[in-house]
Amino acid sequence: MIMNMTELKRYMEEAVMKPMDHKNLDKDVDYFFTRPSTTENLTIFIWNRMKSVMDEPELLYEVEVHETENNIVKYRGE
């Protein structure tokens, strides 16, 4: 096991759910004030947020966002 699932859930709650759940991304999330809320930008936002909240950010390998079954964006950092 690389990471305890309880820790991962806590990180995802802090990095993803708190800033974005039930929000209008373009109006309520500062990151999207200066860039469009595309799936690509959303994936980068999640990557950056996860890196910032994780105790061991080097364990983050990839963020994958499924918009539809045919539109999937993966990001592994710069």
C-alpha atoms as a PDB file:
ATOM      1  CA  MET A   1       0.000   0.000   0.000  1.00  0.00           C
ATOM      2  CA  ILE A   2       1.378   3.388  -0.990  1.00  0.00           C
ATOM      3  CA  MET A   3      -1.103   5.530   0.911  1.00  0.00           C
ATOM      4  CA  ASN A   4      -3.835   5.010   3.444  1.00  0.00           C
ATOM      5  CA  MET A   5      -7.207   5.532   1.743  1.00  0.00           C
ATOM      6  CA  THR A   6      -8.466   7.557   4.703  1.00  0.00           C
ATOM      7  CA  GLU A   7      -5.625  10.032   4.164  1.00  0.00           C
ATOM      8  CA  LEU A   8      -6.336  10.197   0.431  1.00  0.00           C
ATOM      9  CA  LYS A   9     -10.001  10.890   1.134  1.00  0.00           C
ATOM     10  CA  ARG A  10      -9.007  13.678   3.535  1.00  0.00           C
ATOM     11  CA  TYR A  11      -6.700  15.218   0.922  1.00  0.00           C
ATOM     12  CA  MET A  12      -9.394  15.042  -1.749  1.00  0.00           C
ATOM     13  CA  GLU A  13     -11.945  16.628   0.575  1.00  0.00           C
ATOM     14  CA  GLU A  14      -9.580  19.537   1.288  1.00  0.00           C
ATOM     15  CA  ALA A  15      -8.200  19.952  -2.242  1.00  0.00           C
ATOM     16  CA  VAL A  16     -11.260  19.249  -4.377  1.00  0.00           C
ATOM     17  CA  MET A  17     -14.545  19.186  -2.511  1.00  0.00           C
ATOM     18  CA  LYS A  18     -14.157  22.208  -0.247  1.00  0.00           C
ATOM     19  CA  PRO A  19     -13.169  24.703  -2.943  1.00  0.00           C
ATOM     20  CA  MET A  20     -15.428  23.380  -5.729  1.00  0.00           C
ATOM     21  CA  ASP A  21     -18.446  21.415  -4.484  1.00  0.00           C
ATOM     22  CA  HIS A  22     -21.701  23.173  -5.411  1.00  0.00           C
ATOM     23  CA  LYS A  23     -19.815  26.176  -6.767  1.00  0.00           C
ATOM     24  CA  ASN A  24     -19.876  28.112  -9.995  1.00  0.00           C
ATOM     25  CA  LEU A  25     -16.211  27.677 -10.913  1.00  0.00           C
ATOM     26  CA  ASP A  26     -16.025  30.844 -12.995  1.00  0.00           C
ATOM     27  CA  LYS A  27     -17.540  33.040 -10.274  1.00  0.00           C
ATOM     28  CA  ASP A  28     -16.654  31.346  -6.985  1.00  0.00           C
ATOM     29  CA  VAL A  29     -13.159  29.870  -7.422  1.00  0.00           C
ATOM     30  CA  ASP A  30     -10.336  32.438  -7.616  1.00  0.00           C
ATOM     31  CA  TYR A  31      -8.189  30.252  -9.871  1.00  0.00           C
ATOM     32  CA  PHE A  32     -10.778  30.488 -12.660  1.00  0.00           C
ATOM     33  CA  PHE A  33     -11.121  34.273 -12.544  1.00  0.00           C
ATOM     34  CA  THR A  34      -8.191  34.551 -14.966  1.00  0.00           C
ATOM     35  CA  ARG A  35      -8.595  31.393 -17.062  1.00  0.00           C
ATOM     36  CA  PRO A  36     -11.514  29.432 -18.507  1.00  0.00           C
ATOM     37  CA  SER A  37     -12.856  26.505 -16.504  1.00  0.00           C
ATOM     38  CA  THR A  38     -12.002  23.903 -19.126  1.00  0.00           C
ATOM     39  CA  THR A  39     -11.421  20.279 -18.194  1.00  0.00           C
ATOM     40  CA  GLU A  40      -7.711  20.810 -18.835  1.00  0.00           C
ATOM     41  CA  ASN A  41      -7.528  23.772 -16.444  1.00  0.00           C
ATOM     42  CA  LEU A  42      -9.653  21.935 -13.898  1.00  0.00           C
ATOM     43  CA  THR A  43      -7.209  19.023 -13.952  1.00  0.00           C
ATOM     44  CA  ILE A  44      -4.249  21.363 -13.391  1.00  0.00           C
ATOM     45  CA  PHE A  45      -6.120  23.076 -10.544  1.00  0.00           C
ATOM     46  CA  ILE A  46      -6.755  19.730  -8.841  1.00  0.00           C
ATOM     47  CA  TRP A  47      -3.096  18.727  -9.298  1.00  0.00           C
ATOM     48  CA  ASN A  48      -1.876  21.957  -7.708  1.00  0.00           C
ATOM     49  CA  ARG A  49      -4.360  21.742  -4.843  1.00  0.00           C
ATOM     50  CA  MET A  50      -3.518  18.096  -4.123  1.00  0.00           C
ATOM     51  CA  LYS A  51       0.210  18.899  -4.105  1.00  0.00           C
ATOM     52  CA  SER A  52      -0.410  21.723  -1.638  1.00  0.00           C
ATOM     53  CA  VAL A  53      -2.428  19.680   0.886  1.00  0.00           C
ATOM     54  CA  MET A  54      -0.589  16.347   0.820  1.00  0.00           C
ATOM     55  CA  ASP A  55       1.891  15.532   3.563  1.00  0.00           C
ATOM     56  CA  GLU A  56       4.004  13.680   0.992  1.00  0.00           C
ATOM     57  CA  PRO A  57       3.294  15.464  -2.318  1.00  0.00           C
ATOM     58  CA  GLU A  58       5.908  13.373  -4.138  1.00  0.00           C
ATOM     59  CA  LEU A  59       3.417  10.479  -3.955  1.00  0.00           C
ATOM     60  CA  LEU A  60       1.079  12.268  -6.359  1.00  0.00           C
ATOM     61  CA  TYR A  61       1.679  10.730  -9.761  1.00  0.00           C
ATOM     62  CA  GLU A  62      -1.276  11.735 -11.911  1.00  0.00           C
ATOM     63  CA  VAL A  63      -4.650  13.460 -11.842  1.00  0.00           C
ATOM     64  CA  GLU A  64      -7.275  12.121 -14.226  1.00  0.00           C
ATOM     65  CA  VAL A  65     -10.605  13.879 -14.838  1.00  0.00           C
ATOM     66  CA  HIS A  66     -13.395  12.211 -16.822  1.00  0.00           C
ATOM     67  CA  GLU A  67     -15.729  14.752 -18.367  1.00  0.00           C
ATOM     68  CA  THR A  68     -17.418  12.076 -20.486  1.00  0.00           C
ATOM     69  CA  GLU A  69     -16.439   8.531 -21.384  1.00  0.00           C
ATOM     70  CA  ASN A  70     -14.687   9.937 -24.463  1.00  0.00           C
ATOM     71  CA  ASN A  71     -13.238  13.123 -22.968  1.00  0.00           C
ATOM     72  CA  ILE A  72     -10.609  12.294 -20.351  1.00  0.00           C
ATOM     73  CA  VAL A  73      -7.784  14.587 -19.267  1.00  0.00           C
ATOM     74  CA  LYS A  74      -4.662  13.359 -17.467  1.00  0.00           C
ATOM     75  CA  TYR A  75      -2.034  15.587 -15.888  1.00  0.00           C
ATOM     76  CA  ARG A  76       1.295  14.637 -14.328  1.00  0.00           C
ATOM     77  CA  GLY A  77       2.679  18.060 -13.510  1.00  0.00           C
ATOM     78  CA  GLU A  78       4.965  20.203 -15.593  1.00  0.00           C
END
